[in-house]
Amino acid sequence: MKKLSELYHISRRGNMRNEASKGFVRPTVKQVWAPYKKYFNEIISRKLEGGIVTTYTEGQNTYEVHTFLSSGELIVRANTTVDYLIVGGGGSGARGGTNACGGGGGAGGMLTGTMTITKQRYNIVVGAGGDAYTSDYGGSNSGENSSAFGLIAFGGGGGKFRGMTDANHSNGGSGGGASFQRINNDEVGGNGISGQGHNGGMYVYGYYINGAGGGGGAGQNGVNAVGDGRGGGGGNGIISSITGQPIYYAGGGGGGSFSNNINNVINSCAYGGIGGGGNGGYGNHRNESTIIGIDAQPNTGGGGGGTAVSDDVYIPGYESGAGGSGIVIVRYKI
């Protein structure tokens, strides 16, 4: 009686003869393993893991880029010198309150640089943008901080609004634009953080004619409002080519415009700053032809656009623009 092992080999030889007769050539173990080996070697050779991974070549150098559009973890397998871009979430534009326009949202703080990171796991935090303001009276929301490697890019300040009681509310990575409000008859925008952003623009008041300041951007202050009721534009952001493409980040939101002379402002609402900032909206005391503030672009850290309405009661659809979420990007030379 034959052993099981002998029966197996006899059956195996029979199967191989049948396969050969049908023109089938069984691949070797080496051939089967080859594509998997290439894949695993690529994974093992990477110094970093996490985020959305892309590569590009610039001149003689090839870079691997890890982009985080939301919070996550970066695994570092060996000490590595990296370039980084960290942008906080942008502040929302303000809903101005009764017969007042809202300031543009300040951009999230922006940090760039080069550093050596060590073998370990790093928590990467991507800050959310400030939500559009959808409640009664005036208000706005600040952006959230982004962080990596012990560095913090602060969220942008929300735009200023009528009846504001917290003088620090509009401070942030970049400051929110100024509006008609009651703190020491303050007409200046919120403060930006040195090295990360700039201040919000100034407010201009007139009888049923007022314009809010634009939110500060990473590259410049928010623009001051104009005396005919037009809001100021958002401050421009700063360009970065860390991904291999030149992209602007952290532009401020445009300030809201308020005037009974529709022709003054209806076709010239304040633009958001280059780098994702949302355009400012328009209103008058009769709520005619109201234009809402525009949301900032996601993952730019841009500030949202401010807007204006005549009533304290919130009307659905008449909200300010939301701030854009932040972003964290890390690259190293392969």
Foldseek 3Di string as FASTA:
>chain_A
DDDPVVVVVVVVVVVVVVCVVVVHDDDDPCVVCVVVVVVVVVVVPDQKDAADWDWDDDVPFIKIKHKDLAKDKMAGQAWAKKKKKWWFWWKFWKAAFALKWTWWIFFWFIDIDIDIDGGDMKIWHWKAWWDWDFFFGMDIGWIQWTDIPHDITKTAAYTDYAADDDLQRQEICWGTWAMQYDDVRDFWTYAHDPPTWGGWAGKEDDDQAIEITWIIFRVGYTHHADNRFAYTEWHAFDWDCSVVDTAGAGWTATIEGTHPPCVVPVPPFHCTHRQFHWTAWYATLVRPPTGEWAAGAAQRSYIIYMYYYNHRGGDPPRITYIIHIHMMMMMGTD
